[in-house]
PDB file of N, CA and C in Angstrom:
ATOM      1  N   MET A   1      87.119 239.220  76.305  1.00  0.00           N
ATOM      2  CA  MET A   1      87.271 240.645  76.074  1.00  0.00           C
ATOM      3  C   MET A   1      88.762 240.974  76.057  1.00  0.00           C
ATOM      4  N   PRO A   2      89.242 241.662  75.021  1.00  0.00           N
ATOM      5  CA  PRO A   2      90.678 241.967  74.931  1.00  0.00           C
ATOM      6  C   PRO A   2      91.097 243.033  75.940  1.00  0.00           C
ATOM      7  N   ASN A   3      92.343 242.938  76.370  1.00  0.00           N
ATOM      8  CA  ASN A   3      92.915 243.914  77.284  1.00  0.00           C
ATOM      9  C   ASN A   3      93.456 245.075  76.453  1.00  0.00           C
ATOM     10  N   LEU A   4      92.768 246.208  76.470  1.00  0.00           N
ATOM     11  CA  LEU A   4      93.147 247.349  75.637  1.00  0.00           C
ATOM     12  C   LEU A   4      94.494 247.939  76.045  1.00  0.00           C
ATOM     13  N   TYR A   5      94.773 247.954  77.337  1.00  0.00           N
ATOM     14  CA  TYR A   5      96.063 248.485  77.788  1.00  0.00           C
ATOM     15  C   TYR A   5      97.207 247.624  77.258  1.00  0.00           C
ATOM     16  N   ARG A   6      97.074 246.318  77.317  1.00  0.00           N
ATOM     17  CA  ARG A   6      98.114 245.413  76.819  1.00  0.00           C
ATOM     18  C   ARG A   6      98.315 245.599  75.313  1.00  0.00           C
ATOM     19  N   GLN A   7      97.237 245.792  74.571  1.00  0.00           N
ATOM     20  CA  GLN A   7      97.331 246.035  73.138  1.00  0.00           C
ATOM     21  C   GLN A   7      98.065 247.345  72.854  1.00  0.00           C
ATOM     22  N   PHE A   8      97.794 248.375  73.663  1.00  0.00           N
ATOM     23  CA  PHE A   8      98.464 249.658  73.508  1.00  0.00           C
ATOM     24  C   PHE A   8      99.967 249.523  73.779  1.00  0.00           C
ATOM     25  N   ILE A   9     100.346 248.842  74.844  1.00  0.00           N
ATOM     26  CA  ILE A   9     101.758 248.637  75.185  1.00  0.00           C
ATOM     27  C   ILE A   9     102.461 247.855  74.088  1.00  0.00           C
ATOM     28  N   ASP A  10     101.797 246.872  73.505  1.00  0.00           N
ATOM     29  CA  ASP A  10     102.393 246.070  72.438  1.00  0.00           C
ATOM     30  C   ASP A  10     102.674 246.899  71.185  1.00  0.00           C
ATOM     31  N   LEU A  11     101.963 248.007  70.984  1.00  0.00           N
ATOM     32  CA  LEU A  11     102.189 248.884  69.828  1.00  0.00           C
ATOM     33  C   LEU A  11     103.487 249.691  69.958  1.00  0.00           C
ATOM     34  N   GLN A  12     103.910 249.949  71.175  1.00  0.00           N
ATOM     35  CA  GLN A  12     105.108 250.741  71.404  1.00  0.00           C
ATOM     36  C   GLN A  12     106.357 249.911  71.137  1.00  0.00           C
ATOM     37  N   SER A  13     107.399 250.594  70.664  1.00  0.00           N
ATOM     38  CA  SER A  13     108.651 249.882  70.414  1.00  0.00           C
ATOM     39  C   SER A  13     109.336 249.553  71.742  1.00  0.00           C
ATOM     40  N   PRO A  14     110.067 248.445  71.783  1.00  0.00           N
ATOM     41  CA  PRO A  14     110.767 248.093  73.023  1.00  0.00           C
ATOM     42  C   PRO A  14     111.906 249.081  73.301  1.00  0.00           C
ATOM     43  N   LYS A  15     112.265 249.194  74.550  1.00  0.00           N
ATOM     44  CA  LYS A  15     113.361 250.080  74.936  1.00  0.00           C
ATOM     45  C   LYS A  15     114.679 249.533  74.384  1.00  0.00           C
ATOM     46  N   PRO A  16     115.517 250.400  73.803  1.00  0.00           N
ATOM     47  CA  PRO A  16     116.779 249.913  73.215  1.00  0.00           C
ATOM     48  C   PRO A  16     117.809 249.558  74.291  1.00  0.00           C
ATOM     49  N   LEU A  17     118.660 248.607  73.960  1.00  0.00           N
ATOM     50  CA  LEU A  17     119.777 248.236  74.818  1.00  0.00           C
ATOM     51  C   LEU A  17     120.969 249.067  74.376  1.00  0.00           C
ATOM     52  N   GLU A  18     121.519 249.872  75.280  1.00  0.00           N
ATOM     53  CA  GLU A  18     122.641 250.743  74.966  1.00  0.00           C
ATOM     54  C   GLU A  18     123.874 250.282  75.727  1.00  0.00           C
ATOM     55  N   VAL A  19     125.037 250.670  75.237  1.00  0.00           N
ATOM     56  CA  VAL A  19     126.287 250.335  75.904  1.00  0.00           C
ATOM     57  C   VAL A  19     127.061 251.626  76.117  1.00  0.00           C
ATOM     58  N   GLY A  20     127.744 251.717  77.238  1.00  0.00           N
ATOM     59  CA  GLY A  20     128.520 252.906  77.529  1.00  0.00           C
ATOM     60  C   GLY A  20     129.527 252.644  78.625  1.00  0.00           C
ATOM     61  N   THR A  21     130.290 253.681  78.943  1.00  0.00           N
ATOM     62  CA  THR A  21     131.321 253.607  79.970  1.00  0.00           C
ATOM     63  C   THR A  21     130.888 254.444  81.167  1.00  0.00           C
ATOM     64  N   VAL A  22     130.988 253.875  82.348  1.00  0.00           N
ATOM     65  CA  VAL A  22     130.589 254.576  83.568  1.00  0.00           C
ATOM     66  C   VAL A  22     131.609 255.678  83.867  1.00  0.00           C
ATOM     67  N   ALA A  23     131.130 256.915  83.947  1.00  0.00           N
ATOM     68  CA  ALA A  23     131.996 258.051  84.269  1.00  0.00           C
ATOM     69  C   ALA A  23     132.210 258.122  85.782  1.00  0.00           C
ATOM     70  N   PHE A  24     131.106 258.061  86.534  1.00  0.00           N
ATOM     71  CA  PHE A  24     131.197 258.058  87.997  1.00  0.00           C
ATOM     72  C   PHE A  24     129.889 257.536  88.576  1.00  0.00           C
ATOM     73  N   VAL A  25     129.937 257.161  89.850  1.00  0.00           N
ATOM     74  CA  VAL A  25     128.771 256.623  90.554  1.00  0.00           C
ATOM     75  C   VAL A  25     128.568 257.448  91.813  1.00  0.00           C
ATOM     76  N   LEU A  26     127.333 257.872  92.051  1.00  0.00           N
ATOM     77  CA  LEU A  26     127.004 258.655  93.235  1.00  0.00           C
ATOM     78  C   LEU A  26     125.673 258.160  93.794  1.00  0.00           C
ATOM     79  N   ASN A  27     125.680 257.657  95.011  1.00  0.00           N
ATOM     80  CA  ASN A  27     124.474 257.169  95.702  1.00  0.00           C
ATOM     81  C   ASN A  27     123.725 256.107  94.896  1.00  0.00           C
ATOM     82  N   GLY A  28     124.440 255.183  94.280  1.00  0.00           N
ATOM     83  CA  GLY A  28     123.812 254.092  93.549  1.00  0.00           C
ATOM     84  C   GLY A  28     123.335 254.441  92.155  1.00  0.00           C
ATOM     85  N   VAL A  29     123.597 255.671  91.707  1.00  0.00           N
ATOM     86  CA  VAL A  29     123.210 256.091  90.359  1.00  0.00           C
ATOM     87  C   VAL A  29     124.486 256.349  89.564  1.00  0.00           C
ATOM     88  N   ALA A  30     124.637 255.624  88.468  1.00  0.00           N
ATOM     89  CA  ALA A  30     125.830 255.747  87.630  1.00  0.00           C
ATOM     90  C   ALA A  30     125.556 256.710  86.479  1.00  0.00           C
ATOM     91  N   THR A  31     126.522 257.563  86.192  1.00  0.00           N
ATOM     92  CA  THR A  31     126.467 258.416  85.012  1.00  0.00           C
ATOM     93  C   THR A  31     127.272 257.716  83.936  1.00  0.00           C
ATOM     94  N   VAL A  32     126.614 257.423  82.804  1.00  0.00           N
ATOM     95  CA  VAL A  32     127.203 256.611  81.750  1.00  0.00           C
ATOM     96  C   VAL A  32     127.425 257.467  80.506  1.00  0.00           C
ATOM     97  N   ASP A  33     128.653 257.443  79.988  1.00  0.00           N
ATOM     98  CA  ASP A  33     128.993 258.136  78.742  1.00  0.00           C
ATOM     99  C   ASP A  33     128.754 257.184  77.581  1.00  0.00           C
ATOM    100  N   LEU A  34     127.962 257.624  76.606  1.00  0.00           N
ATOM    101  CA  LEU A  34     127.657 256.811  75.433  1.00  0.00           C
ATOM    102  C   LEU A  34     128.665 257.083  74.322  1.00  0.00           C
ATOM    103  N   PRO A  35     128.889 256.140  73.413  1.00  0.00           N
ATOM    104  CA  PRO A  35     129.890 256.306  72.354  1.00  0.00           C
ATOM    105  C   PRO A  35     129.634 257.506  71.444  1.00  0.00           C
ATOM    106  N   GLY A  36     128.384 257.866  71.210  1.00  0.00           N
ATOM    107  CA  GLY A  36     128.066 258.977  70.324  1.00  0.00           C
ATOM    108  C   GLY A  36     128.218 260.340  70.974  1.00  0.00           C
ATOM    109  N   GLY A  37     128.597 260.392  72.237  1.00  0.00           N
ATOM    110  CA  GLY A  37     128.784 261.661  72.930  1.00  0.00           C
ATOM    111  C   GLY A  37     127.696 261.983  73.931  1.00  0.00           C
ATOM    112  N   GLY A  38     126.660 261.166  74.010  1.00  0.00           N
ATOM    113  CA  GLY A  38     125.590 261.400  74.969  1.00  0.00           C
ATOM    114  C   GLY A  38     125.965 260.922  76.357  1.00  0.00           C
ATOM    115  N   ARG A  39     125.137 261.273  77.302  1.00  0.00           N
ATOM    116  CA  ARG A  39     125.351 260.888  78.695  1.00  0.00           C
ATOM    117  C   ARG A  39     123.998 260.600  79.316  1.00  0.00           C
ATOM    118  N   LEU A  40     123.917 259.526  80.097  1.00  0.00           N
ATOM    119  CA  LEU A  40     122.675 259.202  80.780  1.00  0.00           C
ATOM    120  C   LEU A  40     122.958 258.703  82.175  1.00  0.00           C
ATOM    121  N   GLN A  41     121.907 258.649  82.986  1.00  0.00           N
ATOM    122  CA  GLN A  41     122.031 258.144  84.345  1.00  0.00           C
ATOM    123  C   GLN A  41     121.245 256.851  84.459  1.00  0.00           C
ATOM    124  N   ALA A  42     121.807 255.900  85.197  1.00  0.00           N
ATOM    125  CA  ALA A  42     121.172 254.591  85.339  1.00  0.00           C
ATOM    126  C   ALA A  42     121.384 254.054  86.741  1.00  0.00           C
ATOM    127  N   ARG A  43     120.390 253.318  87.231  1.00  0.00           N
ATOM    128  CA  ARG A  43     120.480 252.684  88.544  1.00  0.00           C
ATOM    129  C   ARG A  43     121.166 251.339  88.390  1.00  0.00           C
ATOM    130  N   GLY A  44     121.925 250.960  89.400  1.00  0.00           N
ATOM    131  CA  GLY A  44     122.550 249.647  89.385  1.00  0.00           C
ATOM    132  C   GLY A  44     123.952 249.677  89.945  1.00  0.00           C
ATOM    133  N   VAL A  45     124.550 248.500  90.008  1.00  0.00           N
ATOM    134  CA  VAL A  45     125.881 248.348  90.572  1.00  0.00           C
ATOM    135  C   VAL A  45     126.911 248.437  89.455  1.00  0.00           C
ATOM    136  N   ALA A  46     127.833 249.386  89.587  1.00  0.00           N
ATOM    137  CA  ALA A  46     128.903 249.551  88.599  1.00  0.00           C
ATOM    138  C   ALA A  46     130.026 250.362  89.224  1.00  0.00           C
ATOM    139  N   GLN A  47     131.174 250.325  88.573  1.00  0.00           N
ATOM    140  CA  GLN A  47     132.331 251.089  89.026  1.00  0.00           C
ATOM    141  C   GLN A  47     132.763 252.037  87.918  1.00  0.00           C
ATOM    142  N   ALA A  48     133.407 253.121  88.280  1.00  0.00           N
ATOM    143  CA  ALA A  48     133.894 254.083  87.301  1.00  0.00           C
ATOM    144  C   ALA A  48     134.861 253.400  86.333  1.00  0.00           C
ATOM    145  N   GLY A  49     134.698 253.668  85.045  1.00  0.00           N
ATOM    146  CA  GLY A  49     135.542 253.088  84.019  1.00  0.00           C
ATOM    147  C   GLY A  49     135.035 251.767  83.462  1.00  0.00           C
ATOM    148  N   GLN A  50     134.003 251.210  84.050  1.00  0.00           N
ATOM    149  CA  GLN A  50     133.461 249.922  83.623  1.00  0.00           C
ATOM    150  C   GLN A  50     132.516 250.122  82.439  1.00  0.00           C
ATOM    151  N   ARG A  51     132.543 249.200  81.461  1.00  0.00           N
ATOM    152  CA  ARG A  51     131.607 249.215  80.334  1.00  0.00           C
ATOM    153  C   ARG A  51     130.368 248.429  80.744  1.00  0.00           C
ATOM    154  N   VAL A  52     129.189 249.012  80.506  1.00  0.00           N
ATOM    155  CA  VAL A  52     127.947 248.389  80.954  1.00  0.00           C
ATOM    156  C   VAL A  52     126.873 248.450  79.866  1.00  0.00           C
ATOM    157  N   PHE A  53     125.910 247.513  79.968  1.00  0.00           N
ATOM    158  CA  PHE A  53     124.704 247.535  79.167  1.00  0.00           C
ATOM    159  C   PHE A  53     123.630 248.257  79.971  1.00  0.00           C
ATOM    160  N   VAL A  54     122.904 249.193  79.324  1.00  0.00           N
ATOM    161  CA  VAL A  54     121.865 249.970  79.999  1.00  0.00           C
ATOM    162  C   VAL A  54     120.583 249.898  79.178  1.00  0.00           C
ATOM    163  N   ARG A  55     119.463 249.669  79.874  1.00  0.00           N
ATOM    164  CA  ARG A  55     118.156 249.698  79.212  1.00  0.00           C
ATOM    165  C   ARG A  55     117.150 250.337  80.155  1.00  0.00           C
ATOM    166  N   ASP A  56     116.471 251.351  79.667  1.00  0.00           N
ATOM    167  CA  ASP A  56     115.388 252.002  80.407  1.00  0.00           C
ATOM    168  C   ASP A  56     115.828 252.482  81.798  1.00  0.00           C
ATOM    169  N   GLY A  57     117.022 253.058  81.888  1.00  0.00           N
ATOM    170  CA  GLY A  57     117.484 253.632  83.143  1.00  0.00           C
ATOM    171  C   GLY A  57     118.024 252.645  84.159  1.00  0.00           C
ATOM    172  N   ALA A  58     118.279 251.412  83.742  1.00  0.00           N
ATOM    173  CA  ALA A  58     118.811 250.401  84.656  1.00  0.00           C
ATOM    174  C   ALA A  58     120.011 249.701  84.014  1.00  0.00           C
ATOM    175  N   ILE A  59     121.039 249.473  84.806  1.00  0.00           N
ATOM    176  CA  ILE A  59     122.210 248.739  84.327  1.00  0.00           C
ATOM    177  C   ILE A  59     121.866 247.262  84.315  1.00  0.00           C
ATOM    178  N   GLU A  60     121.996 246.636  83.128  1.00  0.00           N
ATOM    179  CA  GLU A  60     121.647 245.217  82.990  1.00  0.00           C
ATOM    180  C   GLU A  60     122.838 244.301  83.176  1.00  0.00           C
ATOM    181  N   GLY A  61     124.050 244.815  83.065  1.00  0.00           N
ATOM    182  CA  GLY A  61     125.219 243.971  83.245  1.00  0.00           C
ATOM    183  C   GLY A  61     126.459 244.589  82.642  1.00  0.00           C
ATOM    184  N   GLU A  62     127.552 243.871  82.796  1.00  0.00           N
ATOM    185  CA  GLU A  62     128.830 244.341  82.275  1.00  0.00           C
ATOM    186  C   GLU A  62     128.925 244.040  80.781  1.00  0.00           C
ATOM    187  N   ALA A  63     129.463 244.999  80.029  1.00  0.00           N
ATOM    188  CA  ALA A  63     129.640 244.838  78.580  1.00  0.00           C
ATOM    189  C   ALA A  63     131.108 244.552  78.285  1.00  0.00           C
ATOM    190  N   PRO A  64     131.394 243.841  77.200  1.00  0.00           N
ATOM    191  CA  PRO A  64     132.791 243.594  76.837  1.00  0.00           C
ATOM    192  C   PRO A  64     133.460 244.899  76.421  1.00  0.00           C
ATOM    193  N   ASN A  65     134.732 245.006  76.679  1.00  0.00           N
ATOM    194  CA  ASN A  65     135.489 246.210  76.355  1.00  0.00           C
ATOM    195  C   ASN A  65     136.042 246.093  74.938  1.00  0.00           C
ATOM    196  N   LEU A  66     135.207 246.456  73.944  1.00  0.00           N
ATOM    197  CA  LEU A  66     135.578 246.355  72.536  1.00  0.00           C
ATOM    198  C   LEU A  66     135.793 247.751  71.956  1.00  0.00           C
ATOM    199  N   THR A  67     136.477 247.817  70.830  1.00  0.00           N
ATOM    200  CA  THR A  67     136.707 249.085  70.146  1.00  0.00           C
ATOM    201  C   THR A  67     135.428 249.495  69.432  1.00  0.00           C
ATOM    202  N   TYR A  68     135.043 250.771  69.567  1.00  0.00           N
ATOM    203  CA  TYR A  68     133.844 251.302  68.918  1.00  0.00           C
ATOM    204  C   TYR A  68     134.194 251.747  67.503  1.00  0.00           C
ATOM    205  N   ILE A  69     133.447 251.246  66.528  1.00  0.00           N
ATOM    206  CA  ILE A  69     133.640 251.620  65.124  1.00  0.00           C
ATOM    207  C   ILE A  69     132.285 252.037  64.578  1.00  0.00           C
ATOM    208  N   GLU A  70     132.251 253.190  63.915  1.00  0.00           N
ATOM    209  CA  GLU A  70     131.016 253.685  63.331  1.00  0.00           C
ATOM    210  C   GLU A  70     131.155 253.712  61.817  1.00  0.00           C
ATOM    211  N   GLY A  71     130.124 253.275  61.120  1.00  0.00           N
ATOM    212  CA  GLY A  71     130.166 253.276  59.658  1.00  0.00           C
ATOM    213  C   GLY A  71     128.829 253.699  59.076  1.00  0.00           C
ATOM    214  N   GLU A  72     128.872 254.283  57.892  1.00  0.00           N
ATOM    215  CA  GLU A  72     127.648 254.687  57.199  1.00  0.00           C
ATOM    216  C   GLU A  72     127.251 253.621  56.200  1.00  0.00           C
ATOM    217  N   VAL A  73     125.952 253.460  56.074  1.00  0.00           N
ATOM    218  CA  VAL A  73     125.433 252.483  55.113  1.00  0.00           C
ATOM    219  C   VAL A  73     124.702 253.219  54.016  1.00  0.00           C
TER     220      VAL A  73
END
C-alpha cells in the first residue's frame, strides 16, 4: 500500500538554498539580508557581517564572499 503522505510531500518543490549577509544575531536567531533587498530570520551559529547559506529557516554553513551580479536572460 503506498504512503499517501510521502507521495504528497514528493509533489512539493524542495526548499531553495539562499545566500545572504548576517545583519545581527539575537538569542541564537540571525537576521540575514538577501542580495535582492529581502530580509529573513534563521536559526544557527553566525556572526554579524558573515555570508551564510540559509534553507528553510536554518543556517547551513558559511558562504564564500563573492561579488553579487544580476543579469537578465
